[in-house]
Amino acid sequence: MNHALDTIATGLTASQTMMDTIADNLSNVNTTGFKSETPEFQTLLYQDGIQPGANSTSQTVYPSGLELGTGVKVASIKDTLTQGTLTSTGNPLDLAINGTGYFQVLQPNGQTAYTRDGSFQLNQSGQLVTSSGYQVIPGVTVPSNATSVTIGTDGTVSVTTPGSSTATQIGQIQLASFVNPQGLQPLGGNLFAYTTSSGNAITGSPQSNGLGSVNQSYLESSNVDVVQSMVNMISAERAYQLGTQAASAIDNQLNYLAQAAAGA
């Protein structure tokens, strides 16, 4: 009975992790560039009573074994890296990546972070920065007298100034890609850091070497599927309820056995 309770406890923990993940997805449904997360589960070690293929006699073997599972564990929580919807904002400094890639930004500690959130602004020096003030890499500085800013799908940044009839290129947006983007470490604030699992960043201009294009005056919405998330939440809730009911039934059996033993 104790084994059954321990096994059910692992299932309850797994269901709770599923609920926590769904709650995080739904809370970020309006977060720019957010990628929904999905937990992956694995069975725990089995207790072998009889191993399949073991000798039942000197001339015969067991066609199947006697293996008792010990429950489930959360193996990982993976991001679903599908493209989010591009939403027009009318802001010329808003950028959305259509396809593969991440913007590069410089953190206060000097480390490079990566993001799909292209809601950029200008700081007091005219530098292109994130909403947290982190500078975009490579740096782009817009002149204070610029009358318009144009960012091409290939990342070329151009401005027009008073008295000039032609645009002047002032910078180049670059993107980074990874062999295994699932291995990126989330830092919060829509930022990620590379890890050994993700591999080093492979940088280049948009629309080159498999990188996506940059869309000016657009932002990438989260890719959370609200309807599917609600279906998954109901499923996880039902699994949790079944687990608690099973635990309650086992507890009642244990109490019955204890009372029977006491009265014997």
Protein backbone atom coordinates (compact mmCIF):
# COMPACT_ATOMS: atom_id res chain seq x y z
CA MET A 1 0.00 0.00 0.00
CA ASN A 2 2.82 2.40 0.82
CA HIS A 3 4.28 1.68 -2.61
CA ALA A 4 0.95 2.62 -4.21
CA LEU A 5 0.81 5.89 -2.27
CA ASP A 6 4.37 6.77 -3.28
CA THR A 7 3.53 6.04 -6.92
CA ILE A 8 0.38 8.14 -6.83
CA ALA A 9 2.34 10.98 -5.23
CA THR A 10 4.63 11.13 -8.26
CA GLY A 11 1.58 11.36 -10.51
CA LEU A 12 0.13 14.19 -8.44
CA THR A 13 3.44 16.05 -8.67
CA ALA A 14 3.48 15.57 -12.44
CA SER A 15 -0.10 16.83 -12.78
CA GLN A 16 0.75 19.84 -10.65
CA THR A 17 3.74 20.61 -12.89
CA MET A 18 1.44 20.41 -15.91
CA MET A 19 -0.98 22.84 -14.26
CA ASP A 20 1.87 25.20 -13.34
CA THR A 21 3.16 25.16 -16.91
CA ILE A 22 -0.28 25.83 -18.38
CA ALA A 23 -0.81 28.67 -15.91
CA ASP A 24 2.51 30.21 -17.00
CA ASN A 25 1.52 29.91 -20.66
CA LEU A 26 -1.86 31.56 -20.10
CA SER A 27 -0.36 34.34 -18.00
CA ASN A 28 2.01 35.15 -20.89
CA VAL A 29 -0.60 35.02 -23.64
CA ASN A 30 0.00 38.75 -24.31
CA THR A 31 3.78 38.69 -23.82
CA THR A 32 5.66 39.72 -26.96
CA GLY A 33 7.60 36.86 -28.51
CA PHE A 34 6.66 34.37 -25.79
CA LYS A 35 6.88 30.68 -26.71
CA SER A 36 4.49 28.28 -24.98
CA GLU A 37 6.01 25.54 -22.84
CA THR A 38 5.17 21.85 -22.64
CA PRO A 39 6.36 19.44 -19.91
CA GLU A 40 7.65 16.03 -20.98
CA PHE A 41 7.29 13.03 -18.68
CA GLN A 42 9.24 9.81 -18.19
CA THR A 43 8.58 6.65 -16.20
CA LEU A 44 10.62 6.08 -13.06
CA LEU A 45 12.67 2.93 -12.47
CA TYR A 46 10.81 -0.38 -12.47
CA GLN A 47 10.97 -2.99 -9.73
CA ASP A 48 11.82 -6.29 -11.41
CA GLY A 49 10.19 -9.39 -9.96
CA ILE A 50 10.70 -11.60 -12.99
CA GLN A 51 12.81 -10.41 -15.90
CA PRO A 52 11.46 -11.13 -19.40
CA GLY A 53 13.46 -13.94 -20.97
CA ALA A 54 14.58 -15.39 -17.65
CA ASN A 55 14.54 -19.17 -17.36
CA SER A 56 11.32 -20.58 -15.96
CA THR A 57 12.81 -24.06 -16.22
CA SER A 58 15.99 -25.42 -17.67
CA GLN A 59 14.32 -25.56 -21.07
CA THR A 60 11.79 -22.69 -21.06
CA VAL A 61 11.80 -18.94 -20.51
CA TYR A 62 9.24 -16.45 -19.30
CA PRO A 63 7.55 -14.82 -22.33
CA SER A 64 6.81 -11.74 -20.24
CA GLY A 65 8.12 -10.37 -17.00
CA LEU A 66 6.84 -9.13 -13.68
CA GLU A 67 7.86 -5.50 -13.56
CA LEU A 68 6.20 -3.00 -11.26
CA GLY A 69 6.36 0.68 -12.12
CA THR A 70 7.22 3.24 -9.47
CA GLY A 71 5.63 6.30 -11.03
CA VAL A 72 6.45 9.23 -13.27
CA LYS A 73 8.84 12.16 -13.33
CA VAL A 74 9.09 15.42 -15.24
CA ALA A 75 11.98 14.97 -17.67
CA SER A 76 11.99 18.46 -19.14
CA ILE A 77 9.90 21.48 -20.04
CA LYS A 78 10.31 22.33 -23.72
CA ASP A 79 9.46 25.51 -25.56
CA THR A 80 7.19 25.24 -28.58
CA LEU A 81 9.18 27.26 -31.10
CA THR A 82 6.46 27.92 -33.64
CA GLN A 83 6.04 31.34 -35.20
CA GLY A 84 3.78 33.78 -33.38
CA THR A 85 1.37 36.07 -35.23
CA LEU A 86 2.86 39.37 -36.43
CA THR A 87 0.80 42.30 -35.20
CA SER A 88 1.05 45.79 -36.70
CA THR A 89 1.82 48.53 -34.17
CA GLY A 90 2.58 51.59 -36.32
CA ASN A 91 5.73 52.22 -34.25
CA PRO A 92 8.81 52.36 -36.55
CA LEU A 93 11.07 51.06 -33.79
CA ASP A 94 9.03 47.91 -33.24
CA LEU A 95 10.57 44.90 -34.98
CA ALA A 96 9.33 41.36 -35.45
CA ILE A 97 11.32 38.36 -36.64
CA ASN A 98 9.49 36.33 -39.26
CA GLY A 99 11.32 33.03 -39.16
CA THR A 100 14.40 31.82 -37.34
CA GLY A 101 16.56 34.00 -35.11
CA TYR A 102 16.93 36.14 -32.02
CA PHE A 103 17.83 39.77 -31.47
CA GLN A 104 21.05 40.29 -29.53
CA VAL A 105 21.19 42.68 -26.57
CA LEU A 106 23.93 43.70 -24.15
CA GLN A 107 23.18 43.06 -20.49
CA PRO A 108 24.54 45.30 -17.69
CA ASN A 109 26.98 42.51 -16.72
CA GLY A 110 28.53 42.66 -20.19
CA GLN A 111 27.04 39.35 -21.32
CA THR A 112 25.01 38.99 -24.51
CA ALA A 113 21.40 37.93 -24.17
CA TYR A 114 18.94 36.90 -26.88
CA THR A 115 15.29 37.77 -27.36
CA ARG A 116 12.37 37.58 -29.80
CA ASP A 117 10.91 40.74 -28.24
CA GLY A 118 11.54 43.57 -30.68
CA SER A 119 9.71 46.36 -28.85
CA PHE A 120 12.68 48.71 -29.05
CA GLN A 121 13.06 52.34 -28.06
CA LEU A 122 15.74 55.05 -28.13
CA ASN A 123 17.68 56.05 -25.01
CA GLN A 124 19.00 59.52 -24.16
CA SER A 125 21.92 59.01 -26.56
CA GLY A 126 19.76 57.89 -29.47
CA GLN A 127 20.85 54.26 -29.14
CA LEU A 128 18.40 51.50 -29.98
CA VAL A 129 17.58 49.69 -26.72
CA THR A 130 15.06 47.28 -25.20
CA SER A 131 12.29 48.41 -22.87
CA SER A 132 14.72 47.67 -20.02
CA GLY A 133 17.38 49.93 -21.56
CA TYR A 134 19.67 47.14 -22.82
CA GLN A 135 21.52 48.15 -25.99
CA VAL A 136 20.86 46.22 -29.18
CA ILE A 137 23.94 44.51 -30.66
CA PRO A 138 25.43 45.66 -33.02
CA GLY A 139 24.79 49.16 -31.74
CA VAL A 140 22.52 51.45 -33.73
CA THR A 141 22.46 55.18 -32.96
CA VAL A 142 19.75 57.34 -34.53
CA PRO A 143 20.69 61.03 -35.04
CA SER A 144 18.64 63.43 -32.98
CA ASN A 145 17.58 65.34 -36.11
CA ALA A 146 16.37 62.27 -37.98
CA THR A 147 12.92 62.77 -39.44
CA SER A 148 12.27 59.11 -40.18
CA VAL A 149 13.77 55.69 -39.51
CA THR A 150 13.49 52.85 -42.00
CA ILE A 151 14.51 49.27 -41.21
CA GLY A 152 14.52 46.88 -44.14
CA THR A 153 13.63 43.21 -44.05
CA ASP A 154 17.37 42.48 -44.30
CA GLY A 155 18.03 44.55 -41.16
CA THR A 156 19.44 47.63 -42.89
CA VAL A 157 18.76 50.75 -40.77
CA SER A 158 18.45 54.05 -42.66
CA VAL A 159 17.37 57.54 -41.67
CA THR A 160 16.42 60.75 -43.42
CA THR A 161 17.46 64.13 -42.08
CA PRO A 162 16.32 67.69 -42.82
CA GLY A 163 17.72 69.04 -46.07
CA SER A 164 18.45 65.59 -47.48
CA SER A 165 16.33 63.92 -50.12
CA THR A 166 17.98 60.52 -49.77
CA ALA A 167 18.16 58.10 -46.87
CA THR A 168 21.47 57.40 -45.16
CA GLN A 169 22.35 53.97 -43.80
CA ILE A 170 23.40 54.17 -40.15
CA GLY A 171 23.47 50.57 -39.02
CA GLN A 172 22.64 46.92 -39.52
CA ILE A 173 20.41 44.72 -37.38
CA GLN A 174 21.88 41.25 -36.95
CA LEU A 175 20.21 38.08 -35.73
CA ALA A 176 21.55 35.04 -33.93
CA SER A 177 20.55 31.42 -34.34
CA PHE A 178 21.45 28.26 -32.45
CA VAL A 179 21.88 24.62 -33.38
CA ASN A 180 19.61 23.72 -30.46
CA PRO A 181 17.48 26.70 -29.39
CA GLN A 182 15.70 24.42 -26.89
CA GLY A 183 18.92 24.54 -24.89
CA LEU A 184 18.76 28.29 -24.26
CA GLN A 185 18.50 29.34 -20.63
CA PRO A 186 15.53 31.64 -19.87
CA LEU A 187 16.60 34.66 -17.82
CA GLY A 188 13.25 36.40 -17.44
CA GLY A 189 12.44 39.72 -19.04
CA ASN A 190 11.98 37.93 -22.41
CA LEU A 191 15.73 37.23 -22.47
CA PHE A 192 17.70 34.03 -22.98
CA ALA A 193 21.34 33.07 -22.52
CA TYR A 194 23.29 30.51 -24.49
CA THR A 195 24.37 27.29 -22.80
CA THR A 196 26.50 24.30 -23.71
CA SER A 197 23.30 22.57 -24.86
CA SER A 198 22.25 25.38 -27.19
CA GLY A 199 25.70 25.83 -28.68
CA ASN A 200 27.30 29.17 -29.48
CA ALA A 201 25.35 31.83 -31.31
CA ILE A 202 25.63 31.87 -35.11
CA THR A 203 25.15 35.49 -36.14
CA GLY A 204 24.34 37.07 -39.48
CA SER A 205 22.14 39.50 -41.32
CA PRO A 206 18.41 38.75 -41.60
CA GLN A 207 17.43 36.70 -44.67
CA SER A 208 20.88 35.10 -44.84
CA ASN A 209 22.05 31.62 -43.82
CA GLY A 210 18.54 30.49 -42.90
CA LEU A 211 17.78 33.48 -40.65
CA GLY A 212 14.34 35.07 -40.78
CA SER A 213 13.42 38.52 -42.00
CA VAL A 214 12.82 41.63 -39.90
CA ASN A 215 9.44 43.34 -40.16
CA GLN A 216 9.36 47.00 -39.15
CA SER A 217 6.37 48.37 -37.19
CA TYR A 218 5.33 44.84 -36.20
CA LEU A 219 5.64 42.76 -33.03
CA GLU A 220 5.47 38.99 -32.70
CA SER A 221 2.61 37.87 -30.48
CA SER A 222 2.94 34.86 -28.20
CA ASN A 223 2.19 31.50 -29.80
CA VAL A 224 0.03 30.31 -26.89
CA ASP A 225 -3.06 28.46 -28.08
CA VAL A 226 -5.62 29.47 -25.46
CA VAL A 227 -8.21 26.87 -26.47
CA GLN A 228 -5.71 24.00 -26.41
CA SER A 229 -4.31 25.27 -23.12
CA MET A 230 -7.78 25.13 -21.54
CA VAL A 231 -8.26 21.57 -22.85
CA ASN A 232 -4.89 20.58 -21.37
CA MET A 233 -5.80 22.23 -18.09
CA ILE A 234 -9.04 20.22 -17.83
CA SER A 235 -7.10 17.02 -18.59
CA ALA A 236 -4.48 17.80 -15.94
CA GLU A 237 -7.19 18.67 -13.42
CA ARG A 238 -8.99 15.37 -14.05
CA ALA A 239 -5.74 13.44 -13.68
CA TYR A 240 -5.07 15.20 -10.37
CA GLN A 241 -8.59 14.45 -9.12
CA LEU A 242 -8.24 10.77 -10.02
CA GLY A 243 -4.93 10.64 -8.19
CA THR A 244 -6.37 12.15 -5.02
CA GLN A 245 -9.35 9.76 -5.18
CA ALA A 246 -7.01 6.78 -5.55
CA ALA A 247 -4.90 8.00 -2.62
CA SER A 248 -8.05 8.38 -0.52
CA ALA A 249 -9.18 4.84 -1.43
CA ILE A 250 -5.79 3.39 -0.48
CA ASP A 251 -5.83 5.32 2.79
CA ASN A 252 -9.24 3.86 3.61
CA GLN A 253 -7.94 0.37 2.90
CA LEU A 254 -4.95 0.96 5.16
CA ASN A 255 -7.23 2.11 7.97
CA TYR A 256 -9.45 -0.95 7.49
CA LEU A 257 -6.46 -3.27 7.64
CA ALA A 258 -5.14 -1.51 10.75
CA GLN A 259 -8.51 -1.84 12.50
CA ALA A 260 -8.79 -5.49 11.45
CA ALA A 261 -5.30 -6.21 12.79
CA ALA A 262 -6.10 -4.42 16.07
CA GLY A 263 -9.25 -6.47 16.54
CA ALA A 264 -7.61 -9.80 15.75
